[in-house]
């Protein structure tokens, strides 16, 4: 049962910012102001590792948490902290502050990095990526070159099912980097005009 450890963790780190937890990896992700930097699982606290502290964690014989996904082991970047660190609050806090800084940095990098796969674009999923591949559009660059209408027409040719117009808005949003619902009525009309030509 992770609840007592989780409760202690949230209380201990509340000086860092707004703390909350969410079910993750079979345990609980620990978030500070929307950034996950720790994990409580199997009654143990794990801290986020990165280039700045992973070597140190390994040198201290700390182990990364491993969970099973579809039967396969997945090694996380969260290392179990030694139990005695709870008695050395300054040491634990120092490592937590470092883990939080690493997690925030990674989060920032992810935001600025352009998605490399179609499924990672806004509005699109793995199913859409597969549909587009079947239609001959295999990369983000190819989707951008084809444009929303070109991609939609390619999908119409390669799929027997009737495609909804929401998919057209979704493709436009994906290319523009925004949610399909914010595509303006004017832009939707322009897309429909192009589609009918």
N, C-alpha and C. Protein backbone atom coordinates (compact mmCIF):
# COMPACT_ATOMS: atom_id res chain seq x y z
N UNK A 1 0.85 -1.21 0.00
CA UNK A 1 0.00 0.00 0.00
C UNK A 1 0.87 1.25 0.00
N UNK A 2 0.71 2.10 -1.02
CA UNK A 2 1.58 3.27 -1.18
C UNK A 2 1.07 4.52 -0.47
N UNK A 3 -0.17 4.49 0.04
CA UNK A 3 -0.79 5.71 0.55
C UNK A 3 0.01 6.43 1.65
N UNK A 4 0.48 5.74 2.72
CA UNK A 4 1.23 6.48 3.75
C UNK A 4 2.50 7.13 3.19
N UNK A 5 3.24 6.40 2.35
CA UNK A 5 4.47 6.95 1.75
C UNK A 5 4.12 8.14 0.86
N UNK A 6 3.04 8.02 0.11
CA UNK A 6 2.61 9.11 -0.77
C UNK A 6 2.24 10.34 0.05
N UNK A 7 1.49 10.12 1.13
CA UNK A 7 1.07 11.23 1.99
C UNK A 7 2.29 11.95 2.58
N UNK A 8 3.26 11.18 3.06
CA UNK A 8 4.50 11.76 3.62
C UNK A 8 5.26 12.53 2.55
N UNK A 9 5.30 11.97 1.34
CA UNK A 9 6.03 12.61 0.24
C UNK A 9 5.41 13.95 -0.11
N UNK A 10 4.09 13.98 -0.28
CA UNK A 10 3.41 15.22 -0.64
C UNK A 10 3.59 16.29 0.44
N UNK A 11 3.53 15.86 1.69
CA UNK A 11 3.70 16.79 2.82
C UNK A 11 5.13 17.33 2.85
N UNK A 12 6.10 16.41 2.67
CA UNK A 12 7.52 16.78 2.74
C UNK A 12 7.90 17.80 1.66
N UNK A 13 7.34 17.62 0.45
CA UNK A 13 7.73 18.47 -0.67
C UNK A 13 6.83 19.68 -0.88
N UNK A 14 5.86 19.91 0.00
CA UNK A 14 4.91 21.01 -0.24
C UNK A 14 5.58 22.39 -0.27
N UNK A 15 6.78 22.51 0.27
CA UNK A 15 7.50 23.79 0.23
C UNK A 15 8.00 24.12 -1.19
N UNK A 16 7.99 23.11 -2.09
CA UNK A 16 8.49 23.32 -3.45
C UNK A 16 7.46 23.97 -4.37
N UNK A 17 6.19 23.81 -4.04
CA UNK A 17 5.13 24.36 -4.90
C UNK A 17 3.84 23.60 -4.68
N UNK A 18 2.92 23.71 -5.63
CA UNK A 18 1.62 23.05 -5.51
C UNK A 18 1.79 21.56 -5.82
N UNK A 19 1.60 20.73 -4.80
CA UNK A 19 1.83 19.29 -4.94
C UNK A 19 0.53 18.55 -5.23
N UNK A 20 0.63 17.53 -6.10
CA UNK A 20 -0.50 16.62 -6.31
C UNK A 20 0.04 15.29 -6.82
N UNK A 21 -0.83 14.28 -6.81
CA UNK A 21 -0.41 12.97 -7.30
C UNK A 21 -1.43 12.43 -8.28
N UNK A 22 -0.98 11.49 -9.12
CA UNK A 22 -1.84 10.87 -10.11
C UNK A 22 -1.37 9.43 -10.30
N UNK A 23 -2.29 8.51 -10.53
CA UNK A 23 -1.91 7.11 -10.76
C UNK A 23 -1.03 7.00 -12.01
N UNK A 24 0.15 6.41 -11.84
CA UNK A 24 1.10 6.25 -12.95
C UNK A 24 1.93 5.00 -12.71
N UNK A 25 2.25 4.28 -13.77
CA UNK A 25 3.19 3.14 -13.72
C UNK A 25 2.90 2.16 -12.59
N UNK A 26 1.64 1.97 -12.24
CA UNK A 26 1.32 1.04 -11.16
C UNK A 26 1.52 1.64 -9.78
N UNK A 27 1.84 2.92 -9.71
CA UNK A 27 2.00 3.62 -8.43
C UNK A 27 1.39 5.00 -8.55
N UNK A 28 2.05 5.99 -7.97
CA UNK A 28 1.55 7.36 -8.03
C UNK A 28 2.65 8.32 -8.47
N UNK A 29 2.38 9.06 -9.55
CA UNK A 29 3.30 10.10 -9.96
C UNK A 29 3.14 11.29 -9.02
N UNK A 30 4.25 11.90 -8.65
CA UNK A 30 4.22 13.06 -7.75
C UNK A 30 4.56 14.30 -8.58
N UNK A 31 3.63 15.25 -8.58
CA UNK A 31 3.76 16.44 -9.41
C UNK A 31 3.92 17.69 -8.56
N UNK A 32 4.78 18.58 -9.04
CA UNK A 32 4.92 19.90 -8.43
C UNK A 32 4.60 20.91 -9.53
N UNK A 33 3.53 21.67 -9.36
CA UNK A 33 3.12 22.65 -10.38
C UNK A 33 3.09 22.02 -11.78
N UNK A 34 2.39 20.89 -11.92
CA UNK A 34 2.18 20.21 -13.21
C UNK A 34 3.41 19.47 -13.76
N UNK A 35 4.49 19.40 -12.99
CA UNK A 35 5.68 18.68 -13.46
C UNK A 35 5.91 17.45 -12.58
N UNK A 36 5.91 16.27 -13.20
CA UNK A 36 6.16 15.05 -12.44
C UNK A 36 7.67 14.88 -12.24
N UNK A 37 8.08 14.79 -10.98
CA UNK A 37 9.51 14.66 -10.67
C UNK A 37 9.80 13.48 -9.74
N UNK A 38 8.75 12.82 -9.27
CA UNK A 38 8.94 11.70 -8.35
C UNK A 38 7.83 10.68 -8.57
N UNK A 39 8.07 9.50 -8.04
CA UNK A 39 7.12 8.40 -8.19
C UNK A 39 7.10 7.62 -6.88
N UNK A 40 5.90 7.32 -6.39
CA UNK A 40 5.78 6.47 -5.20
C UNK A 40 5.16 5.17 -5.66
N UNK A 41 5.91 4.10 -5.52
CA UNK A 41 5.43 2.78 -5.93
C UNK A 41 6.09 1.73 -5.04
N UNK A 42 5.35 0.68 -4.73
CA UNK A 42 5.85 -0.37 -3.82
C UNK A 42 6.34 0.21 -2.50
N UNK A 43 5.59 1.20 -1.99
CA UNK A 43 5.92 1.85 -0.71
C UNK A 43 7.28 2.54 -0.70
N UNK A 44 7.74 2.93 -1.86
CA UNK A 44 9.06 3.55 -1.94
C UNK A 44 9.01 4.81 -2.79
N UNK A 45 9.79 5.81 -2.39
CA UNK A 45 9.90 7.04 -3.15
C UNK A 45 10.99 6.88 -4.21
N UNK A 46 10.69 7.30 -5.43
CA UNK A 46 11.66 7.29 -6.52
C UNK A 46 11.77 8.71 -7.05
N UNK A 47 13.00 9.14 -7.37
CA UNK A 47 13.21 10.49 -7.91
C UNK A 47 13.63 10.43 -9.37
N UNK A 48 13.24 11.45 -10.10
CA UNK A 48 13.54 11.54 -11.53
C UNK A 48 15.04 11.69 -11.76
N UNK A 49 15.56 10.94 -12.73
CA UNK A 49 16.98 11.03 -13.06
C UNK A 49 17.15 11.63 -14.44
N UNK A 50 18.31 12.24 -14.64
CA UNK A 50 18.67 12.82 -15.93
C UNK A 50 20.18 12.89 -16.00
N UNK A 51 20.72 13.54 -17.02
CA UNK A 51 22.18 13.58 -17.17
C UNK A 51 22.88 14.19 -15.96
N UNK A 52 22.21 15.11 -15.26
CA UNK A 52 22.84 15.79 -14.13
C UNK A 52 22.95 14.94 -12.87
N UNK A 53 22.13 13.87 -12.74
CA UNK A 53 22.19 13.10 -11.49
C UNK A 53 22.17 11.58 -11.64
N UNK A 54 21.97 11.08 -12.86
CA UNK A 54 21.87 9.63 -13.04
C UNK A 54 23.15 8.89 -12.65
N UNK A 55 24.30 9.45 -13.01
CA UNK A 55 25.58 8.82 -12.66
C UNK A 55 25.72 8.72 -11.15
N UNK A 56 25.33 9.78 -10.46
CA UNK A 56 25.40 9.80 -8.99
C UNK A 56 24.47 8.74 -8.39
N UNK A 57 23.25 8.63 -8.93
CA UNK A 57 22.29 7.62 -8.45
C UNK A 57 22.86 6.21 -8.63
N UNK A 58 23.46 5.97 -9.79
CA UNK A 58 24.04 4.64 -10.07
C UNK A 58 25.21 4.36 -9.13
N UNK A 59 26.03 5.40 -8.89
CA UNK A 59 27.19 5.24 -7.99
C UNK A 59 26.73 4.90 -6.57
N UNK A 60 25.53 5.36 -6.21
CA UNK A 60 24.97 5.06 -4.88
C UNK A 60 24.19 3.74 -4.87
N UNK A 61 24.33 2.98 -5.98
CA UNK A 61 23.64 1.69 -6.15
C UNK A 61 22.11 1.81 -6.09
N UNK A 62 21.61 2.96 -6.50
CA UNK A 62 20.16 3.13 -6.56
C UNK A 62 19.65 2.46 -7.83
N UNK A 63 18.46 1.88 -7.73
CA UNK A 63 17.90 1.12 -8.85
C UNK A 63 16.74 1.88 -9.50
N UNK A 64 16.67 1.85 -10.85
CA UNK A 64 15.52 2.47 -11.51
C UNK A 64 14.29 1.57 -11.37
N UNK A 65 13.13 2.18 -11.34
CA UNK A 65 11.89 1.41 -11.24
C UNK A 65 11.58 0.80 -12.61
N UNK A 66 11.24 -0.48 -12.61
CA UNK A 66 10.90 -1.20 -13.85
C UNK A 66 9.46 -1.68 -13.74
N UNK A 67 8.66 -1.39 -14.75
CA UNK A 67 7.28 -1.90 -14.74
C UNK A 67 7.02 -2.67 -16.03
N UNK A 68 5.96 -3.46 -16.05
CA UNK A 68 5.65 -4.26 -17.23
C UNK A 68 4.58 -3.58 -18.08
N UNK A 69 4.85 -3.49 -19.38
CA UNK A 69 3.88 -2.94 -20.32
C UNK A 69 3.67 -3.99 -21.39
N UNK A 70 2.45 -4.52 -21.46
CA UNK A 70 2.11 -5.62 -22.36
C UNK A 70 3.08 -6.79 -22.22
N UNK A 71 3.45 -7.04 -20.97
CA UNK A 71 4.32 -8.18 -20.68
C UNK A 71 5.81 -7.91 -20.82
N UNK A 72 6.18 -6.71 -21.32
CA UNK A 72 7.59 -6.40 -21.50
C UNK A 72 8.06 -5.43 -20.42
N UNK A 73 9.29 -5.62 -19.90
CA UNK A 73 9.79 -4.70 -18.87
C UNK A 73 10.17 -3.35 -19.47
N UNK A 74 9.76 -2.28 -18.79
CA UNK A 74 10.10 -0.92 -19.21
C UNK A 74 10.86 -0.27 -18.06
N UNK A 75 12.09 0.16 -18.34
CA UNK A 75 12.92 0.80 -17.30
C UNK A 75 12.62 2.29 -17.30
N UNK A 76 12.19 2.81 -16.15
CA UNK A 76 11.85 4.23 -16.07
C UNK A 76 13.08 5.05 -15.67
N UNK A 77 12.91 6.36 -15.64
CA UNK A 77 13.98 7.27 -15.22
C UNK A 77 13.83 7.64 -13.75
N UNK A 78 13.06 6.82 -13.02
CA UNK A 78 12.81 7.10 -11.60
C UNK A 78 13.57 6.10 -10.73
N UNK A 79 14.46 6.62 -9.89
CA UNK A 79 15.33 5.77 -9.05
C UNK A 79 14.86 5.76 -7.60
N UNK A 80 14.85 4.56 -7.02
CA UNK A 80 14.41 4.40 -5.63
C UNK A 80 15.42 5.05 -4.69
N UNK A 81 14.92 5.92 -3.80
CA UNK A 81 15.82 6.59 -2.85
C UNK A 81 16.06 5.69 -1.65
N UNK A 82 17.28 5.70 -1.11
CA UNK A 82 17.55 4.88 0.08
C UNK A 82 16.64 5.31 1.24
N UNK A 83 16.19 4.34 2.01
CA UNK A 83 15.26 4.60 3.12
C UNK A 83 15.84 5.60 4.12
N UNK A 84 17.16 5.55 4.32
CA UNK A 84 17.79 6.43 5.32
C UNK A 84 17.75 7.91 4.93
N UNK A 85 17.48 8.22 3.65
CA UNK A 85 17.39 9.62 3.24
C UNK A 85 16.24 10.33 3.94
N UNK A 86 15.22 9.57 4.35
CA UNK A 86 14.10 10.19 5.06
C UNK A 86 14.56 10.77 6.40
N UNK A 87 15.65 10.21 6.95
CA UNK A 87 16.19 10.73 8.22
C UNK A 87 17.17 11.88 7.99
N UNK A 88 17.53 12.10 6.71
CA UNK A 88 18.45 13.19 6.36
C UNK A 88 17.69 14.14 5.42
N UNK A 89 16.77 14.87 6.02
CA UNK A 89 15.83 15.68 5.21
C UNK A 89 16.51 16.66 4.26
N UNK A 90 17.65 17.25 4.67
CA UNK A 90 18.34 18.19 3.78
C UNK A 90 18.85 17.50 2.53
N UNK A 91 19.40 16.31 2.72
CA UNK A 91 19.93 15.52 1.60
C UNK A 91 18.80 15.13 0.64
N UNK A 92 17.70 14.65 1.21
CA UNK A 92 16.55 14.26 0.39
C UNK A 92 16.01 15.46 -0.39
N UNK A 93 15.91 16.59 0.28
CA UNK A 93 15.40 17.80 -0.37
C UNK A 93 16.33 18.26 -1.49
N UNK A 94 17.64 18.20 -1.26
CA UNK A 94 18.61 18.60 -2.29
C UNK A 94 18.42 17.77 -3.56
N UNK A 95 18.30 16.45 -3.36
CA UNK A 95 18.13 15.55 -4.50
C UNK A 95 16.78 15.78 -5.18
N UNK A 96 15.75 16.07 -4.41
CA UNK A 96 14.42 16.33 -4.97
C UNK A 96 14.41 17.60 -5.80
N UNK A 97 15.08 18.64 -5.31
CA UNK A 97 15.15 19.92 -6.03
C UNK A 97 15.84 19.71 -7.38
N UNK A 98 16.90 18.90 -7.36
CA UNK A 98 17.64 18.59 -8.59
C UNK A 98 16.74 17.80 -9.55
N UNK A 99 16.01 16.81 -9.01
CA UNK A 99 15.11 15.98 -9.82
C UNK A 99 14.01 16.83 -10.46
N UNK A 100 13.49 17.79 -9.70
CA UNK A 100 12.45 18.68 -10.20
C UNK A 100 12.98 19.56 -11.33
N UNK A 101 14.19 20.08 -11.15
CA UNK A 101 14.81 20.93 -12.19
C UNK A 101 15.01 20.12 -13.48
N UNK A 102 15.45 18.87 -13.35
CA UNK A 102 15.66 17.99 -14.51
C UNK A 102 14.33 17.72 -15.21
N UNK A 103 13.30 17.41 -14.43
CA UNK A 103 11.97 17.12 -14.99
C UNK A 103 11.42 18.34 -15.73
N UNK A 104 11.61 19.53 -15.15
CA UNK A 104 11.11 20.76 -15.80
C UNK A 104 11.85 21.03 -17.11
N UNK A 105 13.16 20.77 -17.11
CA UNK A 105 13.98 20.96 -18.30
C UNK A 105 13.51 20.02 -19.42
N UNK A 106 13.29 18.75 -19.06
CA UNK A 106 12.83 17.75 -20.03
C UNK A 106 11.46 18.14 -20.60
N UNK A 107 10.60 18.64 -19.71
CA UNK A 107 9.26 19.06 -20.11
C UNK A 107 9.34 20.20 -21.13
N UNK A 108 10.24 21.13 -20.87
CA UNK A 108 10.43 22.28 -21.76
C UNK A 108 10.95 21.83 -23.12
N UNK A 109 11.92 20.90 -23.10
CA UNK A 109 12.49 20.38 -24.35
C UNK A 109 11.42 19.70 -25.19
N UNK A 110 10.55 18.92 -24.52
CA UNK A 110 9.47 18.23 -25.24
C UNK A 110 8.54 19.21 -25.91
N UNK A 111 8.27 20.34 -25.23
CA UNK A 111 7.36 21.35 -25.79
C UNK A 111 7.95 22.00 -27.03
N UNK A 112 9.28 22.23 -27.01
CA UNK A 112 9.90 22.93 -28.13
C UNK A 112 10.28 21.99 -29.27
N UNK A 113 10.45 20.70 -28.97
CA UNK A 113 10.82 19.75 -30.02
C UNK A 113 9.62 19.49 -30.93
N UNK A 114 9.87 19.56 -32.22
CA UNK A 114 8.79 19.29 -33.18
C UNK A 114 8.48 17.79 -33.17
N UNK A 115 7.20 17.42 -33.21
CA UNK A 115 6.86 16.00 -33.22
C UNK A 115 7.49 15.29 -34.41
N UNK A 116 8.04 14.11 -34.17
CA UNK A 116 8.70 13.39 -35.26
C UNK A 116 7.75 12.39 -35.91
N UNK A 117 6.64 12.08 -35.22
CA UNK A 117 5.69 11.13 -35.79
C UNK A 117 4.32 11.77 -35.94
N UNK A 118 3.58 11.30 -36.93
CA UNK A 118 2.24 11.83 -37.21
C UNK A 118 1.34 11.72 -35.98
N UNK A 119 1.39 10.58 -35.29
CA UNK A 119 0.51 10.36 -34.13
C UNK A 119 0.76 11.35 -33.00
N UNK A 120 1.92 12.01 -32.99
CA UNK A 120 2.25 12.96 -31.92
C UNK A 120 1.76 14.38 -32.22
N UNK A 121 1.23 14.59 -33.42
CA UNK A 121 0.69 15.91 -33.76
C UNK A 121 -0.65 16.11 -33.05
N UNK A 122 -1.07 17.37 -32.85
CA UNK A 122 -2.38 17.60 -32.22
C UNK A 122 -3.49 16.92 -33.02
N UNK A 123 -4.50 16.42 -32.34
CA UNK A 123 -5.71 15.81 -32.92
C UNK A 123 -5.52 14.40 -33.49
N UNK A 124 -4.29 13.97 -33.73
CA UNK A 124 -4.07 12.71 -34.42
C UNK A 124 -3.66 11.59 -33.46
N UNK A 125 -4.02 10.36 -33.85
CA UNK A 125 -3.70 9.19 -33.02
C UNK A 125 -2.96 8.18 -33.88
N UNK A 126 -2.62 7.07 -33.26
CA UNK A 126 -1.92 6.00 -33.98
C UNK A 126 -2.77 5.50 -35.14
N UNK A 127 -4.09 5.40 -34.93
CA UNK A 127 -5.00 4.92 -35.99
C UNK A 127 -4.94 5.85 -37.21
N UNK A 128 -4.88 7.18 -36.96
CA UNK A 128 -4.80 8.14 -38.06
C UNK A 128 -3.46 7.99 -38.78
N UNK A 129 -2.39 7.80 -37.99
CA UNK A 129 -1.06 7.62 -38.57
C UNK A 129 -1.06 6.41 -39.51
N UNK A 130 -1.69 5.31 -39.07
CA UNK A 130 -1.76 4.10 -39.90
C UNK A 130 -2.57 4.34 -41.17
N UNK A 131 -3.69 5.05 -41.03
CA UNK A 131 -4.52 5.37 -42.19
C UNK A 131 -3.72 6.18 -43.21
N UNK A 132 -2.99 7.18 -42.71
CA UNK A 132 -2.20 8.03 -43.61
C UNK A 132 -1.08 7.25 -44.28
N UNK A 133 -0.46 6.33 -43.54
CA UNK A 133 0.61 5.49 -44.14
C UNK A 133 0.04 4.66 -45.28
N UNK A 134 -1.15 4.11 -45.04
CA UNK A 134 -1.83 3.31 -46.08
C UNK A 134 -2.10 4.18 -47.30
N UNK A 135 -2.35 5.46 -47.06
CA UNK A 135 -2.63 6.41 -48.16
C UNK A 135 -1.35 6.96 -48.79
N UNK A 136 -0.19 6.53 -48.29
CA UNK A 136 1.09 6.94 -48.87
C UNK A 136 1.74 8.15 -48.21
N UNK A 137 1.19 8.59 -47.07
CA UNK A 137 1.78 9.72 -46.34
C UNK A 137 2.40 9.17 -45.06
N UNK A 138 3.74 9.10 -45.05
CA UNK A 138 4.41 8.36 -43.99
C UNK A 138 5.14 9.20 -42.96
N UNK A 139 5.23 10.51 -43.17
CA UNK A 139 5.96 11.34 -42.21
C UNK A 139 5.25 12.67 -42.00
N UNK A 140 5.67 13.37 -40.95
CA UNK A 140 5.13 14.70 -40.66
C UNK A 140 5.40 15.63 -41.84
N UNK A 141 6.61 15.54 -42.42
CA UNK A 141 6.98 16.39 -43.56
C UNK A 141 6.06 16.13 -44.76
N UNK A 142 5.79 14.83 -45.03
CA UNK A 142 4.91 14.49 -46.16
C UNK A 142 3.49 15.01 -45.93
N UNK A 143 3.04 14.96 -44.68
CA UNK A 143 1.71 15.48 -44.35
C UNK A 143 1.68 16.99 -44.56
N UNK A 144 2.72 17.68 -44.14
CA UNK A 144 2.78 19.14 -44.30
C UNK A 144 2.82 19.51 -45.78
N UNK A 145 3.57 18.72 -46.57
CA UNK A 145 3.64 18.99 -48.02
C UNK A 145 2.28 18.77 -48.70
N UNK A 146 1.60 17.70 -48.29
CA UNK A 146 0.31 17.37 -48.90
C UNK A 146 -0.76 18.39 -48.52
N UNK A 147 -0.66 18.93 -47.31
CA UNK A 147 -1.67 19.85 -46.81
C UNK A 147 -2.89 19.06 -46.36
N UNK A 148 -3.78 19.71 -45.64
CA UNK A 148 -4.95 19.03 -45.08
C UNK A 148 -5.82 18.43 -46.18
N UNK A 149 -6.09 19.21 -47.23
CA UNK A 149 -6.97 18.75 -48.31
C UNK A 149 -6.32 17.60 -49.08
N UNK A 150 -5.04 17.75 -49.41
CA UNK A 150 -4.32 16.70 -50.14
C UNK A 150 -4.30 15.39 -49.36
N UNK A 151 -4.07 15.49 -48.06
CA UNK A 151 -4.03 14.30 -47.20
C UNK A 151 -5.43 13.67 -47.11
N UNK A 152 -6.43 14.51 -46.99
CA UNK A 152 -7.83 14.03 -46.90
C UNK A 152 -8.23 13.31 -48.19
N UNK A 153 -7.84 13.89 -49.34
CA UNK A 153 -8.15 13.27 -50.63
C UNK A 153 -7.42 11.93 -50.78
N UNK A 154 -6.17 11.87 -50.30
CA UNK A 154 -5.41 10.61 -50.36
C UNK A 154 -6.10 9.55 -49.50
N UNK A 155 -6.64 9.98 -48.36
CA UNK A 155 -7.37 9.05 -47.47
C UNK A 155 -8.67 8.59 -48.12
N UNK A 156 -9.34 9.49 -48.81
CA UNK A 156 -10.58 9.13 -49.49
C UNK A 156 -10.33 8.05 -50.55
N UNK A 157 -9.19 8.14 -51.24
CA UNK A 157 -8.85 7.16 -52.28
C UNK A 157 -8.49 5.81 -51.70
N UNK A 158 -7.82 5.82 -50.54
CA UNK A 158 -7.31 4.56 -49.99
C UNK A 158 -8.26 3.89 -48.99
N UNK A 159 -9.34 4.58 -48.62
CA UNK A 159 -10.29 4.00 -47.65
C UNK A 159 -11.70 3.96 -48.22
N UNK A 160 -12.34 2.83 -48.04
CA UNK A 160 -13.69 2.65 -48.58
C UNK A 160 -14.73 3.38 -47.74
N UNK A 161 -14.46 3.53 -46.45
CA UNK A 161 -15.43 4.17 -45.55
C UNK A 161 -15.57 5.65 -45.90
N UNK A 162 -16.73 6.19 -45.57
CA UNK A 162 -16.95 7.63 -45.72
C UNK A 162 -16.21 8.32 -44.58
N UNK A 163 -15.43 9.32 -44.93
CA UNK A 163 -14.65 10.03 -43.91
C UNK A 163 -15.42 11.26 -43.45
N UNK A 164 -15.37 11.53 -42.16
CA UNK A 164 -16.08 12.71 -41.64
C UNK A 164 -15.26 13.97 -41.92
N UNK A 165 -15.97 15.10 -42.00
CA UNK A 165 -15.27 16.37 -42.21
C UNK A 165 -14.42 16.74 -41.00
N UNK A 166 -14.77 16.18 -39.84
CA UNK A 166 -13.97 16.45 -38.64
C UNK A 166 -12.52 16.01 -38.86
N UNK A 167 -12.35 14.95 -39.66
CA UNK A 167 -10.98 14.49 -39.96
C UNK A 167 -10.22 15.54 -40.76
N UNK A 168 -10.93 16.23 -41.65
CA UNK A 168 -10.30 17.30 -42.42
C UNK A 168 -9.86 18.43 -41.48
N UNK A 169 -10.74 18.81 -40.55
CA UNK A 169 -10.38 19.85 -39.58
C UNK A 169 -9.20 19.37 -38.71
N UNK A 170 -9.24 18.09 -38.34
CA UNK A 170 -8.18 17.52 -37.49
C UNK A 170 -6.83 17.58 -38.21
N UNK A 171 -6.83 17.28 -39.50
CA UNK A 171 -5.58 17.32 -40.29
C UNK A 171 -5.06 18.76 -40.39
N UNK A 172 -5.98 19.70 -40.63
CA UNK A 172 -5.59 21.11 -40.71
C UNK A 172 -5.00 21.57 -39.37
N UNK A 173 -5.69 21.20 -38.27
CA UNK A 173 -5.19 21.56 -36.94
C UNK A 173 -3.83 20.95 -36.66
N UNK A 174 -3.65 19.69 -37.07
CA UNK A 174 -2.37 18.99 -36.85
C UNK A 174 -1.23 19.73 -37.56
N UNK A 175 -1.49 20.14 -38.78
CA UNK A 175 -0.47 20.86 -39.56
C UNK A 175 -0.19 22.23 -38.95
N UNK A 176 -1.24 22.86 -38.44
CA UNK A 176 -1.10 24.20 -37.84
C UNK A 176 -0.63 24.17 -36.39
N UNK A 177 -0.65 22.96 -35.78
CA UNK A 177 -0.22 22.83 -34.38
C UNK A 177 -1.25 23.29 -33.38
N UNK A 178 -2.56 23.08 -33.73
CA UNK A 178 -3.60 23.49 -32.78
C UNK A 178 -4.78 22.51 -32.80
N UNK A 179 -5.66 22.64 -31.82
CA UNK A 179 -6.83 21.76 -31.74
C UNK A 179 -7.78 22.07 -32.89
N UNK A 180 -8.40 21.01 -33.44
CA UNK A 180 -9.28 21.18 -34.62
C UNK A 180 -10.46 22.12 -34.35
N UNK A 181 -10.90 22.18 -33.09
CA UNK A 181 -12.08 23.00 -32.79
C UNK A 181 -11.84 24.50 -32.96
N UNK A 182 -10.57 24.92 -33.00
CA UNK A 182 -10.30 26.36 -33.16
C UNK A 182 -10.06 26.77 -34.61
N UNK A 183 -10.25 25.82 -35.54
CA UNK A 183 -10.16 26.18 -36.97
C UNK A 183 -11.38 27.07 -37.27
N UNK A 184 -11.13 28.26 -37.78
CA UNK A 184 -12.21 29.24 -37.97
C UNK A 184 -13.19 28.78 -39.05
N UNK A 185 -14.45 29.22 -38.97
CA UNK A 185 -15.43 28.89 -40.01
C UNK A 185 -14.95 29.32 -41.40
N UNK A 186 -14.27 30.46 -41.46
CA UNK A 186 -13.75 30.97 -42.75
C UNK A 186 -12.75 29.98 -43.33
N UNK A 187 -11.82 29.50 -42.47
CA UNK A 187 -10.80 28.54 -42.93
C UNK A 187 -11.46 27.22 -43.33
N UNK A 188 -12.47 26.80 -42.60
CA UNK A 188 -13.18 25.56 -42.93
C UNK A 188 -13.82 25.67 -44.31
N UNK A 189 -14.41 26.82 -44.58
CA UNK A 189 -15.03 27.04 -45.89
C UNK A 189 -13.99 27.00 -47.01
N UNK A 190 -12.82 27.61 -46.75
CA UNK A 190 -11.74 27.59 -47.74
C UNK A 190 -11.31 26.15 -48.04
N UNK A 191 -11.20 25.34 -46.98
CA UNK A 191 -10.80 23.94 -47.14
C UNK A 191 -11.85 23.18 -47.95
N UNK A 192 -13.12 23.43 -47.66
CA UNK A 192 -14.21 22.75 -48.38
C UNK A 192 -14.21 23.15 -49.85
N UNK A 193 -13.96 24.44 -50.13
CA UNK A 193 -13.89 24.91 -51.51
C UNK A 193 -12.79 24.20 -52.27
N UNK A 194 -11.62 24.12 -51.64
CA UNK A 194 -10.46 23.45 -52.26
C UNK A 194 -10.78 21.98 -52.50
N UNK A 195 -11.46 21.37 -51.54
CA UNK A 195 -11.81 19.95 -51.62
C UNK A 195 -12.76 19.69 -52.80
N UNK A 196 -13.66 20.62 -53.05
CA UNK A 196 -14.67 20.42 -54.12
C UNK A 196 -14.09 20.67 -55.53
N UNK A 197 -12.97 21.31 -55.62
CA UNK A 197 -12.38 21.63 -56.95
C UNK A 197 -11.90 20.38 -57.67
